[in-house]
Structures are given as structure tokens and as C-alpha cells.
């Protein structure tokens, strides 16, 4: 039996705002890393991973807090922590590929797929942490989640790290 649910609009707007701020901050921190010394590059990749991965996780968690159910529920702290750490780790792996490997179409795509797979794992681990009710998944819903996560993360990495043109907004 499915529960009726709704979403808090203000928390959805807050989640969107968190995503914008984290994305801008994390990508700004990663800008120009090819010109900095190796140790500084490592530190800035780690800091960018914390900001971007933590921002991705925070955006998802704030959006999940916006879920309104007719019953009380809470999130398991361990599953919540694991999902946050996974978000940071996979963004870090993607940034390592982007900033320590030769930048090619293949490495940009690989970084996007790593981040997309990590976001997917982070989301489902976070959802498994819901207590007092259990999320139900369908094959179709999971297929849409996998496709959109991989495609949108790869697109985002391509926009941020692909070839720069006059029409490209990012520098």
C-alpha cells in the first residue's frame, strides 16, 4: 500500500539553491588547476571534491527532507553518513581523472560516468536509510534513474570541462 505524499516547495527551492552555490564554488576552486604545483593541485582537488560532493549530497538530502508523508519517519545515521561520504569520494575520483590524467574526450566522459554512478549509489544508499517506511522501486523507475544520472552527470562534466568556445558561459 502506497502512502500519499507531497513535497515542501520551499525545501525544494532550498535544495536547488544549495546545488547552484556548491556547483559554482566547487568548480571555481577547481579552475586553473593545471597551472598550480602538484601538492597544491592535490589539496584543491580534495577541497573541490568536498564542496561539490558535499553539495550534491546536501542538495539531495534537503530535497528528501522536503518529502511530506502522513507518518513520522527518520533517517538512519550510518546510511546517511555513508551516502554523504560516497558523494564526496566519487566526485573526488572524477576530479582526479580530470586533473591528473591527460584531458581527452574519453577522460571527460569517464569522469562524468564515475560521478553519475556515484550520485546514483549515493541516492539509493540515502533512500535505504529511511526508517519507519520503505521506499519501493520499480524497474522502470530505476532505469530512468540510472539513465538520467549517468547522462546528466556526463553532460555537466562536458559543459564544465569540454572545449571552450565563445558561446561557452563557463571559463
C-alpha atoms as a PDB file:
ATOM      1  CA  UNK A   1       0.000   0.000   0.000  1.00  0.00           C
ATOM      2  CA  UNK A   2       1.453   3.322  -1.069  1.00  0.00           C
ATOM      3  CA  UNK A   3       1.363   6.335   1.210  1.00  0.00           C
ATOM      4  CA  UNK A   4       0.143   9.662  -0.037  1.00  0.00           C
ATOM      5  CA  UNK A   5       2.945  12.182  -0.219  1.00  0.00           C
ATOM      6  CA  UNK A   6       3.714  15.746  -1.181  1.00  0.00           C
ATOM      7  CA  UNK A   7       6.778  17.972  -1.311  1.00  0.00           C
ATOM      8  CA  UNK A   8       7.562  21.177   0.549  1.00  0.00           C
ATOM      9  CA  UNK A   9       8.147  23.782  -2.175  1.00  0.00           C
ATOM     10  CA  UNK A  10      10.456  25.913  -0.006  1.00  0.00           C
ATOM     11  CA  UNK A  11      12.750  22.980   0.722  1.00  0.00           C
ATOM     12  CA  UNK A  12      12.818  22.120  -2.980  1.00  0.00           C
ATOM     13  CA  UNK A  13      13.868  25.721  -3.738  1.00  0.00           C
ATOM     14  CA  UNK A  14      16.481  25.484  -0.962  1.00  0.00           C
ATOM     15  CA  UNK A  15      17.826  22.252  -2.488  1.00  0.00           C
ATOM     16  CA  UNK A  16      18.143  23.945  -5.870  1.00  0.00           C
ATOM     17  CA  UNK A  17      19.936  26.901  -4.265  1.00  0.00           C
ATOM     18  CA  UNK A  18      22.375  24.578  -2.458  1.00  0.00           C
ATOM     19  CA  UNK A  19      23.161  22.847  -5.755  1.00  0.00           C
ATOM     20  CA  UNK A  20      23.844  26.154  -7.523  1.00  0.00           C
ATOM     21  CA  UNK A  21      26.071  27.501  -4.748  1.00  0.00           C
ATOM     22  CA  UNK A  22      28.044  24.269  -4.330  1.00  0.00           C
ATOM     23  CA  UNK A  23      28.496  23.869  -8.075  1.00  0.00           C
ATOM     24  CA  UNK A  24      29.721  27.419  -8.539  1.00  0.00           C
ATOM     25  CA  UNK A  25      32.041  27.257  -5.518  1.00  0.00           C
ATOM     26  CA  UNK A  26      33.473  23.809  -6.244  1.00  0.00           C
ATOM     27  CA  UNK A  27      34.083  24.497  -9.927  1.00  0.00           C
ATOM     28  CA  UNK A  28      35.636  27.880  -9.104  1.00  0.00           C
ATOM     29  CA  UNK A  29      38.035  26.128  -6.717  1.00  0.00           C
ATOM     30  CA  UNK A  30      38.996  23.647  -9.453  1.00  0.00           C
ATOM     31  CA  UNK A  31      39.571  26.327 -12.103  1.00  0.00           C
ATOM     32  CA  UNK A  32      43.120  26.617 -13.428  1.00  0.00           C
ATOM     33  CA  UNK A  33      44.500  23.595 -11.580  1.00  0.00           C
ATOM     34  CA  UNK A  34      46.774  22.561 -14.429  1.00  0.00           C
ATOM     35  CA  UNK A  35      48.956  25.620 -13.707  1.00  0.00           C
ATOM     36  CA  UNK A  36      49.458  25.020  -9.949  1.00  0.00           C
ATOM     37  CA  UNK A  37      52.160  22.886  -8.283  1.00  0.00           C
ATOM     38  CA  UNK A  38      51.331  19.212  -7.680  1.00  0.00           C
ATOM     39  CA  UNK A  39      50.793  19.403  -3.903  1.00  0.00           C
ATOM     40  CA  UNK A  40      48.572  22.455  -4.206  1.00  0.00           C
ATOM     41  CA  UNK A  41      46.631  20.740  -7.012  1.00  0.00           C
ATOM     42  CA  UNK A  42      46.037  17.690  -4.781  1.00  0.00           C
ATOM     43  CA  UNK A  43      44.785  19.888  -1.946  1.00  0.00           C
ATOM     44  CA  UNK A  44      42.483  21.894  -4.208  1.00  0.00           C
ATOM     45  CA  UNK A  45      41.083  18.724  -5.821  1.00  0.00           C
ATOM     46  CA  UNK A  46      40.338  17.381  -2.327  1.00  0.00           C
ATOM     47  CA  UNK A  47      38.681  20.634  -1.262  1.00  0.00           C
ATOM     48  CA  UNK A  48      36.685  20.806  -4.508  1.00  0.00           C
ATOM     49  CA  UNK A  49      35.555  17.206  -4.002  1.00  0.00           C
ATOM     50  CA  UNK A  50      34.310  18.051  -0.513  1.00  0.00           C
ATOM     51  CA  UNK A  51      32.457  21.129  -1.759  1.00  0.00           C
ATOM     52  CA  UNK A  52      30.998  19.530  -4.920  1.00  0.00           C
ATOM     53  CA  UNK A  53      30.311  16.070  -3.449  1.00  0.00           C
ATOM     54  CA  UNK A  54      29.025  17.541  -0.204  1.00  0.00           C
ATOM     55  CA  UNK A  55      26.883  19.954  -2.190  1.00  0.00           C
ATOM     56  CA  UNK A  56      25.417  17.180  -4.329  1.00  0.00           C
ATOM     57  CA  UNK A  57      24.644  15.166  -1.198  1.00  0.00           C
ATOM     58  CA  UNK A  58      23.253  18.216   0.645  1.00  0.00           C
ATOM     59  CA  UNK A  59      21.011  19.104  -2.278  1.00  0.00           C
ATOM     60  CA  UNK A  60      19.633  15.569  -2.354  1.00  0.00           C
ATOM     61  CA  UNK A  61      19.157  15.409   1.411  1.00  0.00           C
ATOM     62  CA  UNK A  62      17.428  18.804   1.607  1.00  0.00           C
ATOM     63  CA  UNK A  63      15.125  17.643  -1.205  1.00  0.00           C
ATOM     64  CA  UNK A  64      14.456  14.414   0.718  1.00  0.00           C
ATOM     65  CA  UNK A  65      13.643  16.488   3.812  1.00  0.00           C
ATOM     66  CA  UNK A  66      11.044  18.199   1.622  1.00  0.00           C
ATOM     67  CA  UNK A  67       9.176  14.900   1.317  1.00  0.00           C
ATOM     68  CA  UNK A  68       5.951  15.164   3.311  1.00  0.00           C
ATOM     69  CA  UNK A  69       4.415  11.889   4.500  1.00  0.00           C
ATOM     70  CA  UNK A  70       1.358  11.308   6.722  1.00  0.00           C
ATOM     71  CA  UNK A  71       3.530   9.290   9.158  1.00  0.00           C
ATOM     72  CA  UNK A  72       6.628  10.167  11.158  1.00  0.00           C
ATOM     73  CA  UNK A  73       9.894   8.847   9.695  1.00  0.00           C
ATOM     74  CA  UNK A  74      13.599   9.406  10.155  1.00  0.00           C
ATOM     75  CA  UNK A  75      16.917   8.560   8.516  1.00  0.00           C
ATOM     76  CA  UNK A  76      19.432   6.012   9.772  1.00  0.00           C
ATOM     77  CA  UNK A  77      22.591   7.985  10.683  1.00  0.00           C
ATOM     78  CA  UNK A  78      25.038   5.362   9.349  1.00  0.00           C
ATOM     79  CA  UNK A  79      23.350   5.042   5.934  1.00  0.00           C
ATOM     80  CA  UNK A  80      23.116   8.840   5.760  1.00  0.00           C
ATOM     81  CA  UNK A  81      26.826   9.218   6.554  1.00  0.00           C
ATOM     82  CA  UNK A  82      27.808   6.533   4.034  1.00  0.00           C
ATOM     83  CA  UNK A  83      25.771   8.244   1.323  1.00  0.00           C
ATOM     84  CA  UNK A  84      27.451  11.603   2.066  1.00  0.00           C
ATOM     85  CA  UNK A  85      30.936  10.084   2.035  1.00  0.00           C
ATOM     86  CA  UNK A  86      30.191   8.255  -1.225  1.00  0.00           C
ATOM     87  CA  UNK A  87      29.134  11.538  -2.859  1.00  0.00           C
ATOM     88  CA  UNK A  88      32.408  13.190  -1.860  1.00  0.00           C
ATOM     89  CA  UNK A  89      34.510  10.166  -2.848  1.00  0.00           C
ATOM     90  CA  UNK A  90      33.123   9.767  -6.360  1.00  0.00           C
ATOM     91  CA  UNK A  91      33.371  13.461  -7.150  1.00  0.00           C
ATOM     92  CA  UNK A  92      36.969  13.260  -5.932  1.00  0.00           C
ATOM     93  CA  UNK A  93      37.606  10.329  -8.268  1.00  0.00           C
ATOM     94  CA  UNK A  94      36.084  12.249 -11.161  1.00  0.00           C
ATOM     95  CA  UNK A  95      38.230  15.287 -10.378  1.00  0.00           C
ATOM     96  CA  UNK A  96      41.352  13.110 -10.172  1.00  0.00           C
ATOM     97  CA  UNK A  97      40.606  11.794 -13.658  1.00  0.00           C
ATOM     98  CA  UNK A  98      40.054  15.345 -14.917  1.00  0.00           C
ATOM     99  CA  UNK A  99      43.075  16.966 -13.270  1.00  0.00           C
ATOM    100  CA  UNK A 100      45.721  14.236 -13.190  1.00  0.00           C
ATOM    101  CA  UNK A 101      45.117  12.348 -16.439  1.00  0.00           C
ATOM    102  CA  UNK A 102      45.536  13.785 -19.940  1.00  0.00           C
ATOM    103  CA  UNK A 103      42.285  15.548 -20.793  1.00  0.00           C
ATOM    104  CA  UNK A 104      40.647  13.758 -23.709  1.00  0.00           C
ATOM    105  CA  UNK A 105      37.082  13.058 -24.738  1.00  0.00           C
ATOM    106  CA  UNK A 106      37.404   9.648 -23.114  1.00  0.00           C
ATOM    107  CA  UNK A 107      38.621  11.010 -19.760  1.00  0.00           C
ATOM    108  CA  UNK A 108      35.921  13.687 -19.665  1.00  0.00           C
ATOM    109  CA  UNK A 109      33.281  11.050 -20.387  1.00  0.00           C
ATOM    110  CA  UNK A 110      34.813   8.642 -17.844  1.00  0.00           C
ATOM    111  CA  UNK A 111      34.777  11.339 -15.154  1.00  0.00           C
ATOM    112  CA  UNK A 112      31.118  12.068 -15.902  1.00  0.00           C
ATOM    113  CA  UNK A 113      30.209   8.388 -15.718  1.00  0.00           C
ATOM    114  CA  UNK A 114      32.086   7.991 -12.418  1.00  0.00           C
ATOM    115  CA  UNK A 115      30.256  10.959 -10.923  1.00  0.00           C
ATOM    116  CA  UNK A 116      26.898   9.808 -12.329  1.00  0.00           C
ATOM    117  CA  UNK A 117      27.320   6.278 -10.952  1.00  0.00           C
ATOM    118  CA  UNK A 118      28.341   7.736  -7.603  1.00  0.00           C
ATOM    119  CA  UNK A 119      25.321  10.029  -7.471  1.00  0.00           C
ATOM    120  CA  UNK A 120      23.130   7.051  -8.225  1.00  0.00           C
ATOM    121  CA  UNK A 121      24.738   5.000  -5.439  1.00  0.00           C
ATOM    122  CA  UNK A 122      24.583   7.942  -3.041  1.00  0.00           C
ATOM    123  CA  UNK A 123      20.885   8.423  -3.744  1.00  0.00           C
ATOM    124  CA  UNK A 124      19.872   4.787  -3.284  1.00  0.00           C
ATOM    125  CA  UNK A 125      22.010   4.372  -0.144  1.00  0.00           C
ATOM    126  CA  UNK A 126      20.411   7.528   1.244  1.00  0.00           C
ATOM    127  CA  UNK A 127      16.951   6.231   0.398  1.00  0.00           C
ATOM    128  CA  UNK A 128      17.733   2.926   2.117  1.00  0.00           C
ATOM    129  CA  UNK A 129      18.359   4.937   5.288  1.00  0.00           C
ATOM    130  CA  UNK A 130      14.699   5.927   5.563  1.00  0.00           C
ATOM    131  CA  UNK A 131      13.260   4.390   8.712  1.00  0.00           C
ATOM    132  CA  UNK A 132       9.597   3.749   9.608  1.00  0.00           C
ATOM    133  CA  UNK A 133       8.742   3.387   5.930  1.00  0.00           C
ATOM    134  CA  UNK A 134      10.439   1.752   2.995  1.00  0.00           C
ATOM    135  CA  UNK A 135      10.875   3.151  -0.475  1.00  0.00           C
ATOM    136  CA  UNK A 136       9.533   0.954  -3.266  1.00  0.00           C
ATOM    137  CA  UNK A 137      11.377   0.760  -6.548  1.00  0.00           C
ATOM    138  CA  UNK A 138      10.226  -0.270 -10.000  1.00  0.00           C
ATOM    139  CA  UNK A 139      12.399  -1.465 -12.850  1.00  0.00           C
ATOM    140  CA  UNK A 140      11.208   1.448 -14.967  1.00  0.00           C
ATOM    141  CA  UNK A 141      11.934   3.982 -12.236  1.00  0.00           C
ATOM    142  CA  UNK A 142      15.396   2.527 -11.629  1.00  0.00           C
ATOM    143  CA  UNK A 143      16.110   2.554 -15.375  1.00  0.00           C
ATOM    144  CA  UNK A 144      15.136   6.225 -15.589  1.00  0.00           C
ATOM    145  CA  UNK A 145      17.301   6.995 -12.533  1.00  0.00           C
ATOM    146  CA  UNK A 146      20.325   5.196 -13.999  1.00  0.00           C
ATOM    147  CA  UNK A 147      19.933   6.806 -17.416  1.00  0.00           C
ATOM    148  CA  UNK A 148      19.383  10.335 -16.149  1.00  0.00           C
ATOM    149  CA  UNK A 149      22.121  10.145 -13.514  1.00  0.00           C
ATOM    150  CA  UNK A 150      24.767   8.927 -15.952  1.00  0.00           C
ATOM    151  CA  UNK A 151      23.661  11.201 -18.798  1.00  0.00           C
ATOM    152  CA  UNK A 152      23.244  14.404 -16.788  1.00  0.00           C
ATOM    153  CA  UNK A 153      26.475  13.979 -14.804  1.00  0.00           C
ATOM    154  CA  UNK A 154      28.388  13.310 -18.011  1.00  0.00           C
ATOM    155  CA  UNK A 155      26.759  16.323 -19.669  1.00  0.00           C
ATOM    156  CA  UNK A 156      27.625  18.507 -16.660  1.00  0.00           C
ATOM    157  CA  UNK A 157      31.270  17.424 -16.772  1.00  0.00           C
ATOM    158  CA  UNK A 158      31.378  18.070 -20.523  1.00  0.00           C
ATOM    159  CA  UNK A 159      29.925  21.553 -20.024  1.00  0.00           C
ATOM    160  CA  UNK A 160      32.423  22.340 -17.260  1.00  0.00           C
ATOM    161  CA  UNK A 161      35.495  20.702 -18.822  1.00  0.00           C
ATOM    162  CA  UNK A 162      34.867  20.398 -22.542  1.00  0.00           C
ATOM    163  CA  UNK A 163      36.314  22.585 -25.269  1.00  0.00           C
ATOM    164  CA  UNK A 164      35.832  26.287 -24.650  1.00  0.00           C
ATOM    165  CA  UNK A 165      34.146  28.386 -27.303  1.00  0.00           C
ATOM    166  CA  UNK A 166      32.840  31.941 -27.439  1.00  0.00           C
ATOM    167  CA  UNK A 167      29.364  30.588 -26.703  1.00  0.00           C
ATOM    168  CA  UNK A 168      30.543  28.700 -23.620  1.00  0.00           C
ATOM    169  CA  UNK A 169      29.456  30.523 -20.473  1.00  0.00           C
ATOM    170  CA  UNK A 170      31.983  28.833 -18.178  1.00  0.00           C
ATOM    171  CA  UNK A 171      35.640  29.868 -18.192  1.00  0.00           C
END
